[in-house]
N, C-alpha and C. Protein backbone atom coordinates (compact mmCIF):
# COMPACT_ATOMS: atom_id res chain seq x y z
N MET A 1 14.75 -60.21 164.19
CA MET A 1 13.74 -60.66 163.28
C MET A 1 14.11 -60.39 161.82
N ASP A 2 14.84 -59.33 161.55
CA ASP A 2 15.02 -58.86 160.18
C ASP A 2 15.78 -59.84 159.28
N ASP A 3 16.63 -60.71 159.84
CA ASP A 3 17.37 -61.63 158.99
C ASP A 3 16.56 -62.87 158.64
N GLU A 4 15.36 -63.01 159.23
CA GLU A 4 14.47 -64.12 158.92
C GLU A 4 13.68 -63.81 157.65
N GLN A 5 13.12 -64.85 157.06
CA GLN A 5 12.29 -64.71 155.88
C GLN A 5 10.83 -64.92 156.23
N VAL A 6 9.94 -64.19 155.58
CA VAL A 6 8.53 -64.46 155.74
C VAL A 6 8.18 -65.65 154.85
N THR A 7 7.09 -66.32 155.16
CA THR A 7 6.64 -67.42 154.31
C THR A 7 6.15 -66.86 152.97
N ALA A 8 6.05 -67.73 151.99
CA ALA A 8 5.54 -67.32 150.69
C ALA A 8 4.11 -66.80 150.82
N GLU A 9 3.33 -67.42 151.71
CA GLU A 9 1.93 -66.99 151.91
C GLU A 9 1.86 -65.58 152.47
N VAL A 10 2.72 -65.29 153.46
CA VAL A 10 2.73 -63.94 154.05
C VAL A 10 3.20 -62.93 153.02
N ARG A 11 4.24 -63.25 152.26
CA ARG A 11 4.74 -62.33 151.23
C ARG A 11 3.64 -62.03 150.22
N THR A 12 2.93 -63.05 149.77
CA THR A 12 1.85 -62.85 148.81
C THR A 12 0.74 -62.00 149.41
N ARG A 13 0.38 -62.27 150.67
CA ARG A 13 -0.68 -61.49 151.33
C ARG A 13 -0.31 -60.01 151.41
N ILE A 14 0.95 -59.73 151.76
CA ILE A 14 1.42 -58.34 151.87
C ILE A 14 1.44 -57.69 150.48
N GLU A 15 2.00 -58.38 149.50
CA GLU A 15 2.11 -57.81 148.15
C GLU A 15 0.74 -57.55 147.53
N GLU A 16 -0.20 -58.49 147.71
CA GLU A 16 -1.54 -58.30 147.14
C GLU A 16 -2.28 -57.16 147.83
N CYS A 17 -2.15 -57.08 149.14
CA CYS A 17 -2.79 -55.99 149.88
C CYS A 17 -2.21 -54.65 149.46
N PHE A 18 -0.89 -54.57 149.36
CA PHE A 18 -0.23 -53.33 148.95
C PHE A 18 -0.70 -52.91 147.56
N ALA A 19 -0.84 -53.87 146.65
CA ALA A 19 -1.26 -53.57 145.27
C ALA A 19 -2.67 -52.99 145.22
N ARG A 20 -3.49 -53.27 146.24
CA ARG A 20 -4.85 -52.73 146.28
C ARG A 20 -4.92 -51.32 146.86
N GLN A 21 -3.81 -50.81 147.37
CA GLN A 21 -3.80 -49.46 147.94
C GLN A 21 -3.68 -48.42 146.84
N GLY A 22 -4.77 -47.75 146.58
CA GLY A 22 -4.76 -46.72 145.55
C GLY A 22 -3.76 -45.61 145.81
N LEU A 23 -3.62 -45.21 147.08
CA LEU A 23 -2.71 -44.11 147.38
C LEU A 23 -1.26 -44.48 147.08
N MET A 24 -0.85 -45.68 147.46
CA MET A 24 0.53 -46.09 147.20
C MET A 24 0.79 -46.15 145.69
N THR A 25 -0.18 -46.65 144.94
CA THR A 25 -0.05 -46.69 143.48
C THR A 25 0.03 -45.27 142.93
N HIS A 26 -0.84 -44.40 143.40
CA HIS A 26 -0.87 -43.01 142.95
C HIS A 26 0.46 -42.30 143.24
N LEU A 27 1.03 -42.56 144.41
CA LEU A 27 2.30 -41.93 144.78
C LEU A 27 3.49 -42.51 144.01
N GLY A 28 3.35 -43.75 143.52
CA GLY A 28 4.47 -44.41 142.85
C GLY A 28 5.35 -45.16 143.83
N ALA A 29 4.82 -45.48 145.01
CA ALA A 29 5.59 -46.19 146.04
C ALA A 29 5.62 -47.69 145.73
N ARG A 30 6.65 -48.36 146.23
CA ARG A 30 6.75 -49.81 146.04
C ARG A 30 7.38 -50.46 147.26
N LEU A 31 7.01 -51.71 147.48
CA LEU A 31 7.63 -52.49 148.56
C LEU A 31 9.05 -52.83 148.13
N SER A 32 10.00 -52.70 149.05
CA SER A 32 11.39 -53.06 148.70
C SER A 32 11.96 -54.13 149.62
N HIS A 33 11.30 -54.39 150.76
CA HIS A 33 11.81 -55.40 151.70
C HIS A 33 10.66 -55.86 152.59
N ILE A 34 10.52 -57.17 152.73
CA ILE A 34 9.51 -57.74 153.61
C ILE A 34 10.18 -58.81 154.45
N ALA A 35 10.16 -58.62 155.76
CA ALA A 35 10.70 -59.60 156.71
C ALA A 35 9.72 -59.66 157.89
N PRO A 36 9.81 -60.69 158.70
CA PRO A 36 8.90 -60.74 159.86
C PRO A 36 9.08 -59.51 160.75
N GLY A 37 8.01 -58.72 160.87
CA GLY A 37 8.04 -57.54 161.72
C GLY A 37 8.79 -56.35 161.14
N ARG A 38 9.11 -56.38 159.85
CA ARG A 38 9.85 -55.27 159.24
C ARG A 38 9.53 -55.17 157.75
N VAL A 39 9.13 -53.96 157.33
CA VAL A 39 8.83 -53.72 155.92
C VAL A 39 9.43 -52.38 155.51
N HIS A 40 9.97 -52.35 154.29
CA HIS A 40 10.51 -51.13 153.70
C HIS A 40 9.66 -50.75 152.49
N ILE A 41 9.40 -49.48 152.33
CA ILE A 41 8.69 -48.95 151.17
C ILE A 41 9.53 -47.81 150.59
N VAL A 42 9.70 -47.84 149.27
CA VAL A 42 10.49 -46.83 148.57
C VAL A 42 9.56 -45.91 147.78
N LEU A 43 9.85 -44.62 147.85
CA LEU A 43 9.10 -43.62 147.09
C LEU A 43 10.08 -42.77 146.28
N PRO A 44 10.07 -42.91 144.95
CA PRO A 44 10.97 -42.10 144.12
C PRO A 44 10.57 -40.62 144.15
N HIS A 45 11.58 -39.78 144.05
CA HIS A 45 11.34 -38.33 143.96
C HIS A 45 10.78 -38.05 142.57
N ARG A 46 9.57 -37.50 142.53
CA ARG A 46 8.92 -37.11 141.28
C ARG A 46 8.21 -35.79 141.53
N PRO A 47 8.04 -34.96 140.53
CA PRO A 47 7.36 -33.68 140.74
C PRO A 47 5.97 -33.83 141.36
N GLU A 48 5.28 -34.92 141.05
CA GLU A 48 3.91 -35.12 141.54
C GLU A 48 3.82 -35.32 143.05
N VAL A 49 4.92 -35.63 143.73
CA VAL A 49 4.88 -35.86 145.18
C VAL A 49 5.61 -34.78 145.97
N THR A 50 5.95 -33.67 145.31
CA THR A 50 6.71 -32.62 145.98
C THR A 50 5.81 -31.50 146.49
N GLN A 51 6.40 -30.70 147.38
CA GLN A 51 5.75 -29.47 147.83
C GLN A 51 6.41 -28.30 147.09
N GLN A 52 6.09 -27.09 147.50
CA GLN A 52 6.48 -25.91 146.73
C GLN A 52 7.98 -25.65 146.65
N HIS A 53 8.78 -26.24 147.57
CA HIS A 53 10.23 -26.04 147.54
C HIS A 53 10.95 -27.17 146.82
N GLY A 54 10.20 -28.14 146.33
CA GLY A 54 10.81 -29.25 145.61
C GLY A 54 11.13 -30.47 146.47
N TYR A 55 10.90 -30.37 147.77
CA TYR A 55 11.09 -31.53 148.65
C TYR A 55 9.88 -32.45 148.53
N ILE A 56 10.05 -33.72 148.86
CA ILE A 56 8.91 -34.62 148.89
C ILE A 56 7.98 -34.16 150.01
N HIS A 57 6.72 -34.07 149.72
CA HIS A 57 5.71 -33.53 150.63
C HIS A 57 5.61 -34.36 151.91
N ALA A 58 5.37 -33.68 153.02
CA ALA A 58 5.21 -34.36 154.32
C ALA A 58 4.07 -35.36 154.29
N GLY A 59 3.02 -35.08 153.52
CA GLY A 59 1.91 -36.02 153.41
C GLY A 59 2.34 -37.33 152.77
N ALA A 60 3.15 -37.25 151.74
CA ALA A 60 3.66 -38.46 151.07
C ALA A 60 4.64 -39.18 151.99
N THR A 61 5.48 -38.42 152.68
CA THR A 61 6.43 -39.00 153.63
C THR A 61 5.69 -39.75 154.72
N SER A 62 4.67 -39.13 155.28
CA SER A 62 3.88 -39.74 156.34
C SER A 62 3.11 -40.96 155.85
N ALA A 63 2.60 -40.89 154.64
CA ALA A 63 1.82 -42.00 154.09
C ALA A 63 2.67 -43.26 153.93
N ILE A 64 3.89 -43.12 153.43
CA ILE A 64 4.72 -44.32 153.27
C ILE A 64 5.20 -44.84 154.62
N ALA A 65 5.41 -43.94 155.58
CA ALA A 65 5.78 -44.38 156.93
C ALA A 65 4.64 -45.18 157.56
N ASP A 66 3.43 -44.67 157.46
CA ASP A 66 2.25 -45.35 158.00
C ASP A 66 2.08 -46.72 157.36
N SER A 67 2.20 -46.80 156.05
CA SER A 67 2.05 -48.09 155.37
C SER A 67 3.17 -49.06 155.71
N ALA A 68 4.40 -48.58 155.83
CA ALA A 68 5.51 -49.47 156.19
C ALA A 68 5.28 -50.09 157.56
N GLY A 69 4.86 -49.28 158.52
CA GLY A 69 4.55 -49.81 159.84
C GLY A 69 3.38 -50.77 159.83
N GLY A 70 2.34 -50.41 159.10
CA GLY A 70 1.16 -51.27 159.02
C GLY A 70 1.48 -52.63 158.44
N TYR A 71 2.27 -52.65 157.39
CA TYR A 71 2.63 -53.94 156.79
C TYR A 71 3.63 -54.71 157.64
N ALA A 72 4.48 -54.00 158.37
CA ALA A 72 5.39 -54.69 159.30
C ALA A 72 4.57 -55.47 160.33
N GLY A 73 3.56 -54.81 160.90
CA GLY A 73 2.68 -55.51 161.84
C GLY A 73 1.93 -56.64 161.18
N PHE A 74 1.43 -56.38 159.97
CA PHE A 74 0.64 -57.36 159.24
C PHE A 74 1.41 -58.65 158.97
N THR A 75 2.74 -58.56 158.84
CA THR A 75 3.55 -59.77 158.62
C THR A 75 3.42 -60.75 159.78
N LEU A 76 3.05 -60.25 160.96
CA LEU A 76 2.97 -61.09 162.16
C LEU A 76 1.53 -61.47 162.52
N PHE A 77 0.55 -60.93 161.79
CA PHE A 77 -0.85 -61.18 162.11
C PHE A 77 -1.32 -62.50 161.52
N PRO A 78 -2.38 -63.09 162.11
CA PRO A 78 -2.94 -64.33 161.57
C PRO A 78 -3.46 -64.14 160.14
N ALA A 79 -3.51 -65.23 159.39
CA ALA A 79 -3.93 -65.19 157.98
C ALA A 79 -5.37 -64.71 157.82
N ASP A 80 -6.22 -64.93 158.80
CA ASP A 80 -7.63 -64.54 158.68
C ASP A 80 -7.92 -63.18 159.31
N SER A 81 -6.92 -62.30 159.31
CA SER A 81 -7.07 -60.98 159.92
C SER A 81 -6.76 -59.88 158.93
N SER A 82 -7.00 -58.66 159.36
CA SER A 82 -6.58 -57.48 158.60
C SER A 82 -6.03 -56.46 159.60
N VAL A 83 -5.47 -55.39 159.07
CA VAL A 83 -4.79 -54.40 159.90
C VAL A 83 -5.34 -53.01 159.64
N LEU A 84 -5.42 -52.22 160.70
CA LEU A 84 -5.74 -50.80 160.59
C LEU A 84 -4.84 -50.03 161.55
N THR A 85 -4.51 -48.81 161.18
CA THR A 85 -3.77 -47.93 162.07
C THR A 85 -4.74 -47.31 163.07
N VAL A 86 -4.39 -47.37 164.34
CA VAL A 86 -5.18 -46.73 165.40
C VAL A 86 -4.70 -45.28 165.56
N GLU A 87 -3.38 -45.12 165.60
CA GLU A 87 -2.80 -43.77 165.68
C GLU A 87 -1.34 -43.84 165.26
N TYR A 88 -0.83 -42.70 164.84
CA TYR A 88 0.62 -42.59 164.63
C TYR A 88 1.02 -41.14 164.79
N LYS A 89 2.29 -41.00 165.17
CA LYS A 89 2.88 -39.68 165.33
C LYS A 89 4.18 -39.70 164.55
N ILE A 90 4.43 -38.63 163.84
CA ILE A 90 5.66 -38.56 163.07
C ILE A 90 6.34 -37.21 163.32
N ASN A 91 7.64 -37.25 163.48
CA ASN A 91 8.44 -36.04 163.60
C ASN A 91 9.26 -35.91 162.33
N LEU A 92 9.13 -34.77 161.67
CA LEU A 92 9.91 -34.48 160.48
C LEU A 92 11.20 -33.82 160.93
N LEU A 93 12.32 -34.47 160.66
CA LEU A 93 13.62 -34.02 161.18
C LEU A 93 14.41 -33.16 160.21
N ALA A 94 14.17 -33.35 158.91
CA ALA A 94 14.90 -32.62 157.88
C ALA A 94 14.08 -32.63 156.60
N PRO A 95 14.37 -31.71 155.68
CA PRO A 95 13.65 -31.73 154.40
C PRO A 95 13.84 -33.07 153.68
N ALA A 96 12.80 -33.53 153.01
CA ALA A 96 12.83 -34.82 152.30
C ALA A 96 13.41 -34.61 150.91
N ALA A 97 14.73 -34.47 150.86
CA ALA A 97 15.44 -34.23 149.61
C ALA A 97 16.31 -35.43 149.28
N GLY A 98 16.15 -35.96 148.10
CA GLY A 98 16.97 -37.08 147.66
C GLY A 98 16.39 -37.70 146.40
N GLU A 99 17.07 -38.73 145.91
CA GLU A 99 16.58 -39.45 144.74
C GLU A 99 15.29 -40.19 145.08
N TYR A 100 15.25 -40.69 146.32
CA TYR A 100 14.05 -41.39 146.78
C TYR A 100 14.03 -41.40 148.30
N LEU A 101 12.85 -41.71 148.84
CA LEU A 101 12.70 -41.92 150.27
C LEU A 101 12.53 -43.41 150.51
N GLU A 102 13.01 -43.86 151.66
CA GLU A 102 12.80 -45.24 152.08
C GLU A 102 12.20 -45.22 153.47
N ALA A 103 10.96 -45.69 153.58
CA ALA A 103 10.29 -45.80 154.88
C ALA A 103 10.52 -47.20 155.42
N VAL A 104 10.85 -47.27 156.71
CA VAL A 104 11.09 -48.55 157.37
C VAL A 104 10.15 -48.64 158.57
N GLY A 105 9.30 -49.65 158.54
CA GLY A 105 8.42 -49.93 159.67
C GLY A 105 8.94 -51.16 160.40
N THR A 106 9.07 -51.05 161.72
CA THR A 106 9.60 -52.14 162.53
C THR A 106 8.70 -52.36 163.73
N VAL A 107 8.28 -53.60 163.95
CA VAL A 107 7.45 -53.92 165.10
C VAL A 107 8.31 -53.84 166.36
N LEU A 108 7.87 -53.03 167.32
CA LEU A 108 8.55 -52.94 168.61
C LEU A 108 7.93 -53.90 169.62
N LYS A 109 6.59 -53.98 169.62
CA LYS A 109 5.88 -54.85 170.55
C LYS A 109 4.65 -55.42 169.87
N PRO A 110 4.73 -56.70 169.48
CA PRO A 110 3.54 -57.32 168.90
C PRO A 110 2.53 -57.66 169.99
N GLY A 111 1.27 -57.67 169.63
CA GLY A 111 0.23 -58.03 170.59
C GLY A 111 -0.91 -58.74 169.89
N ARG A 112 -1.78 -59.37 170.68
CA ARG A 112 -2.94 -60.04 170.09
C ARG A 112 -3.88 -59.05 169.43
N THR A 113 -4.06 -57.89 170.05
CA THR A 113 -4.97 -56.89 169.51
C THR A 113 -4.21 -55.65 169.03
N LEU A 114 -3.37 -55.07 169.89
CA LEU A 114 -2.62 -53.87 169.53
C LEU A 114 -1.14 -54.20 169.35
N THR A 115 -0.55 -53.60 168.32
CA THR A 115 0.87 -53.78 168.01
C THR A 115 1.49 -52.40 167.87
N ILE A 116 2.68 -52.22 168.45
CA ILE A 116 3.38 -50.94 168.41
C ILE A 116 4.56 -51.05 167.44
N CYS A 117 4.69 -50.04 166.56
CA CYS A 117 5.76 -50.03 165.56
C CYS A 117 6.57 -48.75 165.63
N LYS A 118 7.83 -48.88 165.27
CA LYS A 118 8.72 -47.73 165.08
C LYS A 118 8.70 -47.40 163.59
N LEU A 119 8.62 -46.12 163.28
CA LEU A 119 8.62 -45.64 161.90
C LEU A 119 9.86 -44.80 161.66
N GLU A 120 10.53 -45.05 160.56
CA GLU A 120 11.69 -44.24 160.16
C GLU A 120 11.59 -44.00 158.66
N VAL A 121 11.96 -42.79 158.25
CA VAL A 121 12.02 -42.48 156.83
C VAL A 121 13.39 -41.89 156.54
N PHE A 122 14.04 -42.43 155.52
CA PHE A 122 15.37 -41.99 155.12
C PHE A 122 15.30 -41.38 153.73
N ALA A 123 16.04 -40.29 153.53
CA ALA A 123 16.23 -39.72 152.19
C ALA A 123 17.53 -40.31 151.67
N VAL A 124 17.50 -40.78 150.43
CA VAL A 124 18.68 -41.43 149.84
C VAL A 124 19.10 -40.64 148.61
N GLN A 125 20.38 -40.26 148.62
CA GLN A 125 20.99 -39.55 147.49
C GLN A 125 22.31 -40.24 147.22
N GLY A 126 22.38 -40.98 146.12
CA GLY A 126 23.60 -41.74 145.83
C GLY A 126 23.86 -42.74 146.94
N GLU A 127 25.04 -42.66 147.56
CA GLU A 127 25.40 -43.55 148.66
C GLU A 127 25.02 -42.98 150.03
N GLN A 128 24.55 -41.74 150.05
CA GLN A 128 24.21 -41.08 151.31
C GLN A 128 22.76 -41.38 151.70
N ARG A 129 22.58 -41.77 152.95
CA ARG A 129 21.26 -42.10 153.49
C ARG A 129 21.09 -41.32 154.79
N SER A 130 20.07 -40.44 154.83
CA SER A 130 19.87 -39.56 155.98
C SER A 130 18.48 -39.78 156.58
N LEU A 131 18.41 -39.90 157.90
CA LEU A 131 17.13 -40.00 158.59
C LEU A 131 16.43 -38.65 158.53
N ILE A 132 15.23 -38.61 157.92
CA ILE A 132 14.52 -37.34 157.79
C ILE A 132 13.20 -37.32 158.56
N ALA A 133 12.75 -38.49 159.03
CA ALA A 133 11.51 -38.55 159.82
C ALA A 133 11.53 -39.79 160.71
N THR A 134 10.93 -39.66 161.87
CA THR A 134 10.81 -40.79 162.79
C THR A 134 9.46 -40.70 163.48
N GLY A 135 8.97 -41.84 163.90
CA GLY A 135 7.67 -41.83 164.55
C GLY A 135 7.33 -43.14 165.22
N GLN A 136 6.14 -43.19 165.74
CA GLN A 136 5.63 -44.39 166.41
C GLN A 136 4.18 -44.58 166.00
N GLN A 137 3.75 -45.83 165.98
CA GLN A 137 2.44 -46.17 165.46
C GLN A 137 1.81 -47.28 166.30
N THR A 138 0.50 -47.22 166.45
CA THR A 138 -0.27 -48.29 167.08
C THR A 138 -1.20 -48.87 166.02
N LEU A 139 -1.16 -50.19 165.88
CA LEU A 139 -2.00 -50.92 164.93
C LEU A 139 -3.00 -51.77 165.67
N ILE A 140 -4.12 -52.06 165.03
CA ILE A 140 -5.07 -53.01 165.58
C ILE A 140 -5.19 -54.19 164.62
N CYS A 141 -5.12 -55.39 165.19
CA CYS A 141 -5.32 -56.62 164.44
C CYS A 141 -6.80 -56.95 164.49
N MET A 142 -7.43 -56.98 163.34
CA MET A 142 -8.85 -57.29 163.27
C MET A 142 -9.01 -58.77 162.93
N ASN A 143 -9.00 -59.58 163.99
CA ASN A 143 -9.11 -61.03 163.84
C ASN A 143 -10.45 -61.42 163.23
N GLY A 144 -10.40 -62.46 162.39
CA GLY A 144 -11.63 -62.95 161.79
C GLY A 144 -12.17 -62.07 160.69
N LYS A 145 -11.42 -61.06 160.29
CA LYS A 145 -11.82 -60.17 159.20
C LYS A 145 -10.71 -60.17 158.16
N PRO A 146 -10.71 -61.17 157.28
CA PRO A 146 -9.66 -61.26 156.28
C PRO A 146 -9.52 -59.97 155.49
N ASP A 147 -8.34 -59.74 154.98
CA ASP A 147 -8.00 -58.48 154.32
C ASP A 147 -8.80 -58.22 153.05
N ARG A 148 -9.32 -59.21 152.41
CA ARG A 148 -10.00 -59.00 151.11
C ARG A 148 -11.35 -58.39 151.27
């Protein structure tokens, strides 16, 4: 799916929805890739998103992972629907140290009502990219309830 392009309508729907997320704006996160069933979100390392040791906080790491998965699912949902996370689990594998984090949400199993996504978060430092968190997420497609 990742080498395919989303339609202009889907891209606009994802970008507009993302822009309305106060938390993503507050964190300084941005969309970096949108494809059918796959979305990437980048979070720059800034003092405002760190914990006491200078690593990016697990809450910020988890938030971008959750949003990346949610938007990955949303790329496949009908235009007159919206998305909510039902549950997610994340395993933190290493400290979130780098210039920025990149969360990748990938749809594993799309469904009419429930969609399952894989969540991955990478720390990027120069050319080095390290997996620092992984998880799984269940989304619900709320048909007939447009996102606005």
